[in-house]
Protein backbone atom coordinates (compact mmCIF):
# COMPACT_ATOMS: atom_id res chain seq x y z
CA MET A 1 74.64 156.62 209.35
CA GLY A 2 77.11 158.84 211.04
CA ASP A 3 80.05 158.39 213.36
CA ALA A 4 79.68 156.65 216.72
CA LYS A 5 81.15 159.68 218.52
CA LEU A 6 77.84 160.94 219.75
CA THR A 7 78.49 162.53 223.16
CA ARG A 8 75.95 162.70 225.97
CA ARG A 9 76.05 166.53 225.79
CA ARG A 10 75.33 166.47 222.06
CA MET A 11 72.54 163.93 222.60
CA GLU A 12 70.99 166.13 225.21
CA SER A 13 71.19 169.32 223.07
CA GLN A 14 69.84 167.59 219.98
CA ALA A 15 67.28 165.37 221.62
CA PRO A 16 64.26 164.46 219.56
CA ALA A 17 60.76 165.13 220.94
CA ALA A 18 59.44 162.19 222.93
CA ARG A 19 56.55 161.81 220.48
CA ASP A 20 59.00 161.58 217.58
CA LEU A 21 61.19 159.01 219.36
CA ALA A 22 58.06 157.04 220.26
CA GLY A 23 57.13 156.96 216.63
CA VAL A 24 60.57 155.65 215.60
CA PHE A 25 60.56 153.14 218.50
CA SER A 26 57.11 151.91 217.46
CA LYS A 27 58.33 151.36 213.96
CA VAL A 28 61.40 149.39 215.23
CA ILE A 29 59.06 147.30 217.42
CA ARG A 30 56.78 146.60 214.46
CA GLU A 31 59.76 145.64 212.33
CA HIS A 32 61.31 143.27 214.86
CA LEU A 33 58.25 141.90 216.65
CA ALA A 34 55.49 141.92 214.05
CA ASP A 35 54.61 138.23 214.69
CA HIS A 36 54.12 139.00 218.42
CA LEU A 37 52.38 142.35 218.42
CA ASP A 38 48.87 141.01 219.16
CA GLU A 39 50.14 139.11 222.16
CA ILE A 40 52.24 142.03 223.33
CA ARG A 41 49.24 144.27 223.17
CA ARG A 42 47.09 141.82 225.00
CA ARG A 43 49.65 141.37 227.72
CA ASN A 44 50.22 145.11 228.04
CA ARG A 45 46.46 145.76 228.33
CA ALA A 46 46.23 143.06 231.03
CA SER A 47 49.10 144.56 233.04
CA HIS A 48 47.67 148.04 232.77
CA ALA A 49 44.22 146.77 233.87
CA ALA A 50 45.91 145.10 236.87
CA GLY A 51 47.45 148.44 237.77
CA ASP A 52 51.03 147.66 236.65
CA ARG A 53 51.86 150.40 234.16
CA ASN A 54 55.67 149.83 234.36
CA VAL A 55 55.65 146.44 232.60
CA CYS A 56 56.03 146.06 228.85
CA ALA A 57 55.52 142.72 227.27
CA THR A 58 58.05 143.46 224.54
CA HIS A 59 60.69 142.21 227.00
CA ASP A 60 59.01 138.78 226.90
CA PHE A 61 60.14 138.40 223.27
CA CYS A 62 63.53 140.22 223.07
CA ASP A 63 65.80 142.69 224.78
CA ALA A 64 63.54 145.63 223.98
CA ASN A 65 66.10 148.04 225.46
CA MET A 66 68.18 147.27 222.41
CA LEU A 67 65.26 148.18 220.20
CA MET A 68 64.99 151.57 221.92
CA HIS A 69 68.70 151.99 221.47
CA GLU A 70 68.23 151.28 217.74
CA ALA A 71 65.43 153.82 217.62
CA LEU A 72 67.67 156.46 219.23
CA CYS A 73 70.46 155.64 216.77
CA ARG A 74 67.99 156.22 213.91
CA CYS A 75 66.90 159.53 215.41
CA TYR A 76 70.48 160.75 215.79
CA GLY A 77 71.70 159.22 212.45
CA VAL A 78 74.42 157.14 214.03
CA LYS A 79 75.31 153.49 214.08
CA ASP A 80 75.91 153.34 217.86
CA PHE A 81 76.58 155.40 221.00
CA PRO A 82 77.71 154.43 224.50
CA ALA A 83 74.82 153.25 226.72
CA SER A 84 76.31 155.37 229.47
CA ASN A 85 75.11 158.45 227.52
CA ILE A 86 71.57 157.50 228.56
CA SER A 87 72.20 156.01 232.03
CA GLU A 88 74.21 159.09 233.18
CA SER A 89 71.70 161.68 231.90
CA GLU A 90 68.44 162.46 233.65
CA THR A 91 67.29 164.25 230.50
CA LEU A 92 67.93 161.29 228.21
CA THR A 93 66.61 158.80 230.71
CA GLY A 94 63.46 160.85 231.00
CA LEU A 95 63.13 161.02 227.17
CA TRP A 96 63.68 157.23 226.89
CA ASN A 97 60.99 156.57 229.50
CA GLU A 98 58.46 159.08 228.14
CA ALA A 99 58.88 157.85 224.60
CA TRP A 100 58.46 154.23 225.70
CA ASP A 101 55.31 155.15 227.63
CA ILE A 102 53.81 156.94 224.61
CA ALA A 103 54.67 154.08 222.29
CA LYS A 104 53.30 151.34 224.66
CA ARG A 105 50.15 153.31 225.44
CA ASN A 106 49.51 153.69 221.72
CA GLU A 107 50.20 150.01 221.17
CA PHE A 108 53.19 150.68 218.85
CA LEU A 109 50.96 152.16 216.13
CA PRO A 110 52.42 154.41 213.37
CA PRO A 111 53.33 157.95 214.40
CA GLY A 112 50.26 159.62 212.85
CA ARG A 113 48.14 157.66 215.28
CA LEU A 114 50.04 158.51 218.42
CA ARG A 115 48.66 160.60 221.27
CA ALA A 116 51.01 162.80 223.24
CA ARG A 117 49.33 162.58 226.69
CA THR A 118 50.33 159.48 228.70
CA ARG A 119 47.15 159.40 230.77
CA GLU A 120 44.91 158.39 227.88
CA ALA A 121 43.67 154.84 227.59
CA PRO A 122 45.33 152.47 225.15
CA SER A 123 43.95 152.34 221.66
CA ARG A 124 41.90 149.27 220.71
CA GLU A 125 42.72 149.78 216.96
CA ARG A 126 45.09 147.46 215.16
């Protein structure tokens, strides 16, 4: 992987598509939380059915923000970057949130099975 000198400006100009980041994030989730995926999917479906679309059960099993950070590192080909690159950028915060929504909605399935629209119902496939 590359140097940790990834600036916010460079991240914004070379940002992956939300769908692509969602695919990498989903892979990272599957790698780290494979033993918990069925329960995560069940909890996310229950939250969604209750009208709470902002909750993600991955946080019940780890600091899932670190897994999204790992996914971004993979997308940019770096080992690390300052968290402030995300928190100080509306563009990158929006990308983070959109990719998370896509991945969660698609129950962290492989990229070929992702849907781009966030209004679609979650998949019932495993």
